[in-house]
Protein backbone atom coordinates (compact mmCIF):
# COMPACT_ATOMS: atom_id res chain seq x y z
CA MET A 1 -35.27 -49.39 171.88
CA ALA A 2 -33.70 -45.89 171.50
CA LEU A 3 -31.77 -45.09 168.68
CA THR A 4 -27.97 -44.29 168.76
CA LEU A 5 -26.23 -40.97 167.69
CA THR A 6 -24.74 -42.87 165.04
CA ALA A 7 -27.44 -44.74 163.84
CA MET A 8 -29.34 -41.64 163.57
CA THR A 9 -26.80 -39.38 162.21
CA ALA A 10 -26.45 -42.86 159.06
CA MET A 11 -30.33 -43.10 158.60
CA THR A 12 -30.50 -39.30 158.10
CA ALA A 13 -27.74 -39.03 155.33
CA GLN A 14 -29.25 -42.25 154.05
CA ALA A 15 -32.39 -40.58 153.78
CA ARG A 16 -31.16 -37.90 152.13
CA SER A 17 -28.36 -39.25 149.31
CA PRO A 18 -30.30 -40.55 146.66
CA ALA A 19 -29.66 -44.52 146.15
CA PRO A 20 -26.73 -45.74 144.00
CA ALA A 21 -28.42 -46.63 141.17
CA THR A 22 -30.52 -42.91 140.96
CA ALA A 23 -27.49 -40.90 141.25
CA GLN A 24 -25.91 -43.01 138.47
CA ALA A 25 -28.95 -42.55 136.37
CA ALA A 26 -28.69 -38.73 137.39
CA THR A 27 -25.47 -38.11 136.70
CA GLN A 28 -25.51 -39.91 133.11
CA THR A 29 -28.20 -37.82 132.30
CA GLN A 30 -26.13 -34.71 132.38
CA LYS A 31 -24.03 -35.93 130.38
CA PRO A 32 -24.15 -34.98 126.27
CA HIS A 33 -26.19 -37.02 123.89
CA VAL A 34 -24.15 -38.99 121.38
CA VAL A 35 -25.57 -41.25 118.66
CA VAL A 36 -23.50 -43.71 117.00
CA LEU A 37 -24.88 -44.39 113.55
CA ALA A 38 -22.96 -47.72 112.16
CA THR A 39 -23.03 -48.72 108.69
CA GLY A 40 -20.50 -51.49 108.83
CA GLY A 41 -16.80 -52.03 107.91
CA THR A 42 -14.10 -53.49 110.21
CA ILE A 43 -14.92 -52.23 113.48
CA ALA A 44 -17.62 -54.11 112.79
CA GLY A 45 -15.74 -57.24 111.31
CA ALA A 46 -14.93 -60.33 112.59
CA GLY A 47 -12.24 -63.09 111.83
CA ALA A 48 -12.18 -66.44 112.52
CA SER A 49 -9.12 -66.50 115.04
CA ALA A 50 -7.40 -63.83 116.98
CA MET A 51 -4.28 -63.95 114.70
CA ASN A 52 -6.77 -63.05 111.53
CA SER A 53 -5.87 -59.18 111.67
CA ALA A 54 -6.31 -58.63 107.95
CA SER A 55 -8.47 -61.52 107.16
CA TYR A 56 -11.58 -61.25 108.18
CA THR A 57 -15.45 -60.58 106.85
CA ALA A 58 -16.62 -56.56 107.58
CA ALA A 59 -19.83 -55.39 108.78
CA LYS A 60 -20.59 -58.40 110.86
CA VAL A 61 -21.34 -56.78 114.50
CA PRO A 62 -24.26 -54.71 115.05
CA VAL A 63 -24.06 -51.14 116.95
CA ASP A 64 -25.82 -52.92 120.28
CA LYS A 65 -22.82 -55.33 120.77
CA LEU A 66 -20.37 -52.89 119.66
CA LEU A 67 -21.31 -50.35 122.72
CA ALA A 68 -22.22 -53.18 125.25
CA GLY A 69 -18.67 -54.26 124.57
CA LEU A 70 -17.45 -50.66 125.54
CA PRO A 71 -18.97 -50.14 128.75
CA GLU A 72 -16.32 -47.15 129.26
CA VAL A 73 -18.19 -44.44 127.23
CA GLN A 74 -20.65 -44.02 130.08
CA ASN A 75 -18.09 -42.43 131.95
CA VAL A 76 -17.90 -39.85 128.88
CA ALA A 77 -21.35 -39.39 127.16
CA ARG A 78 -24.59 -40.60 127.13
CA VAL A 79 -24.91 -42.79 124.05
CA SER A 80 -27.30 -44.09 121.86
CA GLY A 81 -26.63 -46.33 118.51
CA GLU A 82 -28.74 -46.97 115.43
CA GLN A 83 -27.78 -49.14 112.50
CA VAL A 84 -28.37 -47.57 108.95
CA PHE A 85 -26.60 -49.89 107.19
CA GLN A 86 -24.20 -53.14 107.71
CA ILE A 87 -21.83 -53.21 104.70
CA ALA A 88 -18.42 -52.89 103.51
CA SER A 89 -17.75 -49.14 102.48
CA GLU A 90 -16.07 -50.03 99.18
CA SER A 91 -20.23 -50.98 98.33
CA PHE A 92 -21.16 -47.54 99.00
CA THR A 93 -22.93 -45.68 96.66
CA ASN A 94 -24.24 -42.08 96.10
CA ALA A 95 -27.24 -43.40 97.70
CA GLU A 96 -26.11 -44.79 101.27
CA LEU A 97 -24.11 -41.50 100.97
CA LEU A 98 -27.27 -39.12 100.79
CA GLU A 99 -29.75 -41.33 103.32
CA LEU A 100 -26.55 -40.84 105.56
CA ALA A 101 -26.30 -37.26 105.61
CA LYS A 102 -29.83 -36.69 105.64
CA ARG A 103 -30.29 -39.02 109.02
CA VAL A 104 -26.91 -36.86 110.26
CA SER A 105 -28.76 -33.72 109.43
CA ALA A 106 -32.24 -34.65 111.24
CA LEU A 107 -30.15 -35.74 114.34
CA LEU A 108 -27.77 -32.84 114.51
CA LYS A 109 -31.53 -30.52 114.41
CA GLN A 110 -32.44 -32.06 117.88
CA ASP A 111 -31.84 -30.13 120.93
CA ASP A 112 -31.25 -33.26 122.88
CA VAL A 113 -27.82 -34.71 120.66
CA ALA A 114 -24.68 -32.85 120.94
CA GLY A 115 -22.93 -34.63 118.37
CA VAL A 116 -22.94 -37.89 115.68
CA VAL A 117 -20.51 -40.41 115.48
CA VAL A 118 -20.41 -42.77 111.97
CA THR A 119 -18.74 -45.79 112.49
CA HIS A 120 -17.62 -46.61 108.96
CA GLY A 121 -15.04 -48.78 106.84
CA THR A 122 -12.08 -47.32 105.84
CA ASP A 123 -11.88 -47.98 102.37
CA THR A 124 -14.16 -44.53 101.67
CA MET A 125 -14.53 -43.46 104.75
CA GLU A 126 -12.68 -40.08 103.80
CA GLU A 127 -15.54 -39.72 100.70
CA THR A 128 -18.02 -39.79 103.36
CA GLY A 129 -16.47 -38.09 105.89
CA PHE A 130 -15.61 -35.22 103.53
CA PHE A 131 -19.35 -35.34 101.90
CA LEU A 132 -20.71 -34.66 105.51
CA ASN A 133 -18.27 -31.92 105.71
CA LEU A 134 -20.19 -30.10 102.88
CA VAL A 135 -23.50 -31.07 103.32
CA ILE A 136 -24.48 -30.95 106.65
CA ASP A 137 -25.57 -27.90 108.51
CA SER A 138 -24.66 -27.58 112.14
CA ASP A 139 -21.56 -26.60 113.83
CA LYS A 140 -21.95 -29.71 116.40
CA PRO A 141 -19.18 -32.42 115.84
CA ILE A 142 -19.28 -35.02 113.58
CA VAL A 143 -17.11 -37.84 113.68
CA MET A 144 -16.25 -40.51 111.39
CA VAL A 145 -14.37 -43.46 112.84
CA GLY A 146 -13.47 -46.92 112.45
CA SER A 147 -10.38 -49.72 112.46
CA MET A 148 -7.82 -51.20 110.70
CA ARG A 149 -7.94 -54.53 112.56
CA PRO A 150 -11.52 -56.72 113.41
CA GLY A 151 -12.41 -56.57 117.61
CA THR A 152 -11.59 -60.34 117.37
CA ALA A 153 -8.12 -59.99 116.27
CA ILE A 154 -4.95 -59.65 118.77
CA SER A 155 -4.29 -55.60 119.61
CA ALA A 156 -7.75 -54.76 117.78
CA ASP A 157 -7.86 -50.71 117.59
CA GLY A 158 -11.82 -50.38 117.10
CA ALA A 159 -12.36 -50.08 120.88
CA LEU A 160 -9.84 -47.34 121.46
CA ASN A 161 -10.83 -45.47 118.36
CA LEU A 162 -14.64 -45.24 119.20
CA LEU A 163 -14.44 -44.85 122.73
CA ASN A 164 -12.16 -41.76 121.56
CA ALA A 165 -14.62 -41.09 118.72
CA ILE A 166 -17.46 -40.57 121.00
CA SER A 167 -15.28 -38.37 123.44
CA VAL A 168 -14.64 -35.98 120.64
CA ALA A 169 -18.35 -35.84 119.38
CA ALA A 170 -19.12 -35.22 122.94
CA SER A 171 -16.37 -32.22 123.34
CA GLU A 172 -17.63 -28.57 123.39
CA ASP A 173 -14.16 -27.62 122.21
CA ALA A 174 -14.81 -29.70 118.73
CA ARG A 175 -17.96 -27.53 117.70
CA GLY A 176 -17.55 -25.76 114.19
CA LYS A 177 -14.83 -27.76 112.90
CA GLY A 178 -16.72 -29.56 110.36
CA ALA A 179 -16.47 -33.56 109.72
CA LEU A 180 -13.67 -34.99 111.64
CA ILE A 181 -12.02 -38.69 111.04
CA VAL A 182 -10.52 -39.58 114.75
CA MET A 183 -8.59 -42.51 114.36
CA ASN A 184 -5.12 -44.16 116.42
CA ASP A 185 -5.58 -41.00 118.77
CA GLU A 186 -5.57 -38.71 115.72
CA ILE A 187 -8.19 -36.53 115.41
CA HIS A 188 -8.04 -34.98 110.92
CA THR A 189 -10.47 -32.99 109.33
CA ALA A 190 -12.24 -34.91 106.79
CA ARG A 191 -11.68 -32.88 103.89
CA ASP A 192 -7.87 -33.09 103.99
CA ALA A 193 -7.22 -36.55 105.66
CA ALA A 194 -6.74 -39.83 103.28
CA LYS A 195 -6.19 -43.48 104.18
CA LEU A 196 -2.80 -43.69 102.42
CA VAL A 197 -1.61 -46.99 104.38
CA ASN A 198 -3.52 -50.23 104.68
CA ILE A 199 -2.91 -53.26 107.01
CA LYS A 200 -1.25 -50.70 109.59
CA THR A 201 -3.68 -48.91 112.15
CA ASN A 202 -1.97 -45.55 110.89
CA ALA A 203 -3.78 -45.80 108.19
CA PHE A 204 -5.18 -42.01 107.75
CA GLN A 205 -2.71 -39.27 107.18
CA SER A 206 -3.02 -35.37 105.86
CA GLN A 207 -0.10 -33.73 104.17
CA TRP A 208 -0.92 -30.63 105.91
CA GLY A 209 -1.14 -32.75 109.63
CA PRO A 210 -3.76 -33.75 112.29
CA LEU A 211 -6.12 -31.31 113.74
CA GLY A 212 -4.77 -32.47 116.98
CA MET A 213 -4.31 -35.45 119.72
CA VAL A 214 -7.11 -37.55 121.75
CA VAL A 215 -5.43 -38.99 124.78
CA GLU A 216 -7.24 -40.34 127.82
CA GLY A 217 -10.98 -38.48 126.61
CA ARG A 218 -8.63 -34.95 126.55
CA ASN A 219 -8.67 -33.08 123.07
CA TYR A 220 -5.15 -31.36 122.04
CA TRP A 221 -5.44 -29.50 119.37
CA PHE A 222 -2.84 -27.72 116.98
CA ARG A 223 -4.70 -25.69 114.18
CA ASP A 224 -8.02 -25.25 112.60
CA PRO A 225 -9.43 -25.79 109.52
CA VAL A 226 -9.29 -23.11 106.92
CA LYS A 227 -11.38 -24.38 103.87
CA ARG A 228 -15.46 -23.75 103.90
CA HIS A 229 -17.11 -26.17 105.61
CA THR A 230 -21.12 -27.04 107.03
CA THR A 231 -22.49 -23.79 108.73
CA ASP A 232 -20.32 -22.29 106.14
CA SER A 233 -21.10 -24.37 103.29
CA GLU A 234 -23.78 -23.38 100.19
CA PHE A 235 -24.57 -26.77 99.92
CA ASN A 236 -27.56 -28.44 101.94
CA ILE A 237 -28.18 -32.00 102.20
CA ASP A 238 -32.07 -31.25 102.89
CA ASP A 239 -31.81 -29.66 99.44
CA ILE A 240 -30.22 -32.39 97.44
CA THR A 241 -32.33 -35.44 96.30
CA GLU A 242 -29.84 -37.12 93.77
CA LEU A 243 -26.32 -36.55 92.63
CA PRO A 244 -25.07 -36.22 89.32
CA ALA A 245 -23.11 -38.74 87.97
CA VAL A 246 -19.24 -37.67 87.84
CA GLU A 247 -16.31 -40.38 87.47
CA ILE A 248 -12.75 -40.79 87.61
CA ALA A 249 -10.54 -41.96 84.84
CA TYR A 250 -7.20 -43.09 86.20
CA SER A 251 -3.81 -42.17 84.09
CA TYR A 252 -0.47 -44.17 83.91
CA GLY A 253 2.03 -44.86 81.26
CA ASN A 254 0.65 -46.33 77.89
CA VAL A 255 -2.55 -45.09 79.20
CA ALA A 256 -5.00 -45.78 76.39
CA PRO A 257 -8.32 -43.35 75.98
CA THR A 258 -10.48 -46.16 76.10
CA ALA A 259 -11.85 -45.44 79.75
CA VAL A 260 -12.17 -41.45 78.69
CA GLN A 261 -14.46 -43.14 75.78
CA ALA A 262 -15.89 -45.07 77.35
CA LEU A 263 -17.00 -42.62 80.59
CA GLY A 264 -17.96 -40.07 77.88
CA ALA A 265 -20.06 -42.49 75.92
CA SER A 266 -22.29 -43.34 79.11
CA GLY A 267 -23.30 -39.87 79.10
CA VAL A 268 -21.20 -38.53 82.57
CA LYS A 269 -21.74 -34.92 83.29
CA ALA A 270 -18.44 -34.48 84.74
CA ILE A 271 -14.70 -36.81 84.44
CA VAL A 272 -12.12 -36.40 87.09
CA HIS A 273 -8.56 -37.04 85.60
CA ALA A 274 -6.30 -38.52 87.84
CA GLY A 275 -3.09 -37.70 86.13
CA THR A 276 0.62 -37.91 86.99
CA GLY A 277 2.50 -35.71 88.60
CA ASN A 278 0.83 -32.10 88.78
CA GLY A 279 -2.19 -33.55 87.03
CA SER A 280 -0.47 -34.49 83.76
CA VAL A 281 -2.51 -35.61 81.33
CA PRO A 282 -0.73 -37.41 78.13
CA ASN A 283 -0.64 -35.90 74.72
CA ARG A 284 -3.24 -38.94 73.15
CA ILE A 285 -5.61 -38.40 75.78
CA VAL A 286 -6.27 -34.26 75.48
CA PRO A 287 -8.00 -34.39 71.83
CA GLU A 288 -10.05 -37.18 74.05
CA LEU A 289 -11.44 -34.87 77.06
CA ASN A 290 -11.56 -31.88 74.74
CA LYS A 291 -13.73 -33.49 72.60
CA LEU A 292 -15.53 -34.31 75.50
CA ARG A 293 -16.07 -30.81 76.73
CA GLU A 294 -16.92 -29.33 73.19
CA ASN A 295 -20.12 -31.76 74.22
CA GLY A 296 -20.88 -30.09 77.40
CA THR A 297 -19.01 -32.75 79.85
CA LEU A 298 -17.12 -31.35 82.81
CA ILE A 299 -12.96 -32.09 82.88
CA VAL A 300 -11.64 -31.91 86.14
CA ARG A 301 -8.17 -32.01 86.45
CA SER A 302 -6.90 -34.01 89.48
CA SER A 303 -3.32 -36.01 90.49
CA ARG A 304 -3.17 -39.24 91.51
CA VAL A 305 0.02 -37.45 93.89
CA PRO A 306 -1.13 -38.14 97.05
CA ALA A 307 0.52 -35.13 98.30
CA GLY A 308 1.06 -31.45 96.80
CA PHE A 309 -1.97 -29.80 94.63
CA VAL A 310 -2.54 -29.33 90.99
CA LEU A 311 -1.47 -25.96 89.31
CA ARG A 312 -4.06 -24.20 86.85
CA ASN A 313 -2.21 -23.71 83.61
CA ALA A 314 0.49 -25.43 84.41
CA GLU A 315 0.95 -28.91 82.67
CA GLN A 316 -1.82 -28.05 80.58
CA PRO A 317 -3.79 -24.70 79.49
CA ASP A 318 -6.86 -25.29 81.83
CA ASP A 319 -8.15 -21.47 80.39
CA GLN A 320 -7.49 -22.60 76.88
CA TYR A 321 -9.51 -25.96 77.49
CA ASP A 322 -11.80 -24.49 79.68
CA TRP A 323 -10.66 -27.62 81.74
CA VAL A 324 -10.82 -27.02 86.10
CA VAL A 325 -8.44 -28.04 88.38
CA ALA A 326 -8.92 -29.71 91.64
CA HIS A 327 -6.39 -28.01 93.81
CA ASP A 328 -5.15 -30.56 96.75
CA LEU A 329 -7.87 -32.74 96.46
CA ASN A 330 -7.27 -36.22 95.23
CA PRO A 331 -9.26 -37.27 92.81
CA GLN A 332 -12.11 -39.26 94.88
CA LYS A 333 -12.95 -35.84 96.86
CA ALA A 334 -12.77 -34.18 93.81
CA ARG A 335 -15.40 -36.53 91.96
CA ILE A 336 -17.65 -36.13 95.51
CA LEU A 337 -17.36 -31.81 95.03
CA THR A 338 -17.90 -31.98 91.50
CA ALA A 339 -20.77 -34.01 91.80
CA LEU A 340 -22.11 -31.63 94.63
CA ALA A 341 -21.32 -28.58 92.51
CA LEU A 342 -23.13 -29.68 89.44
CA THR A 343 -26.33 -29.56 91.85
CA LYS A 344 -26.34 -25.33 91.44
CA GLY A 345 -24.53 -25.27 87.46
CA ASN A 346 -22.16 -26.30 85.64
CA ASP A 347 -20.35 -22.85 84.87
CA THR A 348 -17.10 -23.94 84.36
CA LYS A 349 -15.83 -20.23 86.32
CA GLU A 350 -17.77 -21.48 89.11
CA LEU A 351 -16.84 -25.02 89.69
CA GLN A 352 -13.09 -22.94 89.86
CA ARG A 353 -14.16 -21.00 92.32
CA ILE A 354 -15.84 -23.84 94.50
CA PHE A 355 -12.62 -25.88 94.58
CA TRP A 356 -10.49 -23.07 95.86
CA GLU A 357 -13.03 -22.37 98.49
CA TYR A 358 -13.47 -26.19 99.69
């Protein structure tokens, strides 16, 4: 039976066009490859009911299920996942920091990886993000993401946060900006962002403002980070095997010297003093810190106030005491930077330079 012209045209077009599955696979391989490293946290949490937005168990859902529940990621990137840890972030130690950073570093050395997303509990996300910002020698995007509500809750924020994070990590215009935190549609530098609100979804804020926003898969940038990071950093995770012991002593009205004395006796290499106001130190604590400094312990003067910065030789004669000021870094981030600086040496002038530059 002779074929009609319409039938012949249809058969020719069918022969020339790949099967839908083949075309979809070809398109997918052309998208940037983003690796999601899962560590646990609320974004992997589950509550007893949809009403439980603040009461839940963290670190329950594995990364494959997180990604399977978000098919929209296929529209923005070719995504693969690895379960590095499955813990709540308040339980992170230096050991987890080092292991995670080494894995991020190894992945970003691969030509086929465009960027890395780290799902993380929000409690210590700013510390992990800042650490990665300092030790990863790559200009590829490193994006930290979490959620304030478990995926089982009404109005859970994790799915959109994760989609946005993957979108940013896959973006060419996110390169060279260091480690980022993407939450609540905002893009922050991990250096500046801190968890300033609990319960609410706008948990992460920076006194200097976000770098930009991500809306419907598009990045809108408004500023760049100016402090040294990643490819411009003198710290490299490939050269670091352990972090020196650095602890934080918190100040308040009627504070006793007990904590400072105990930390000093434990043999820590440095103490970050989380002072009031402009990093103020009570008169009964100053002699205790000076004793420790005379015995070789570094003293870093920070502030428990979430905004502003500590002025050198204001409130305390830092030059006279041979102390260091943390500038605008909060105590927990000052601990991270001090520990890294100690891997290079323990000169206070060098440590102060590092705080000015990072």
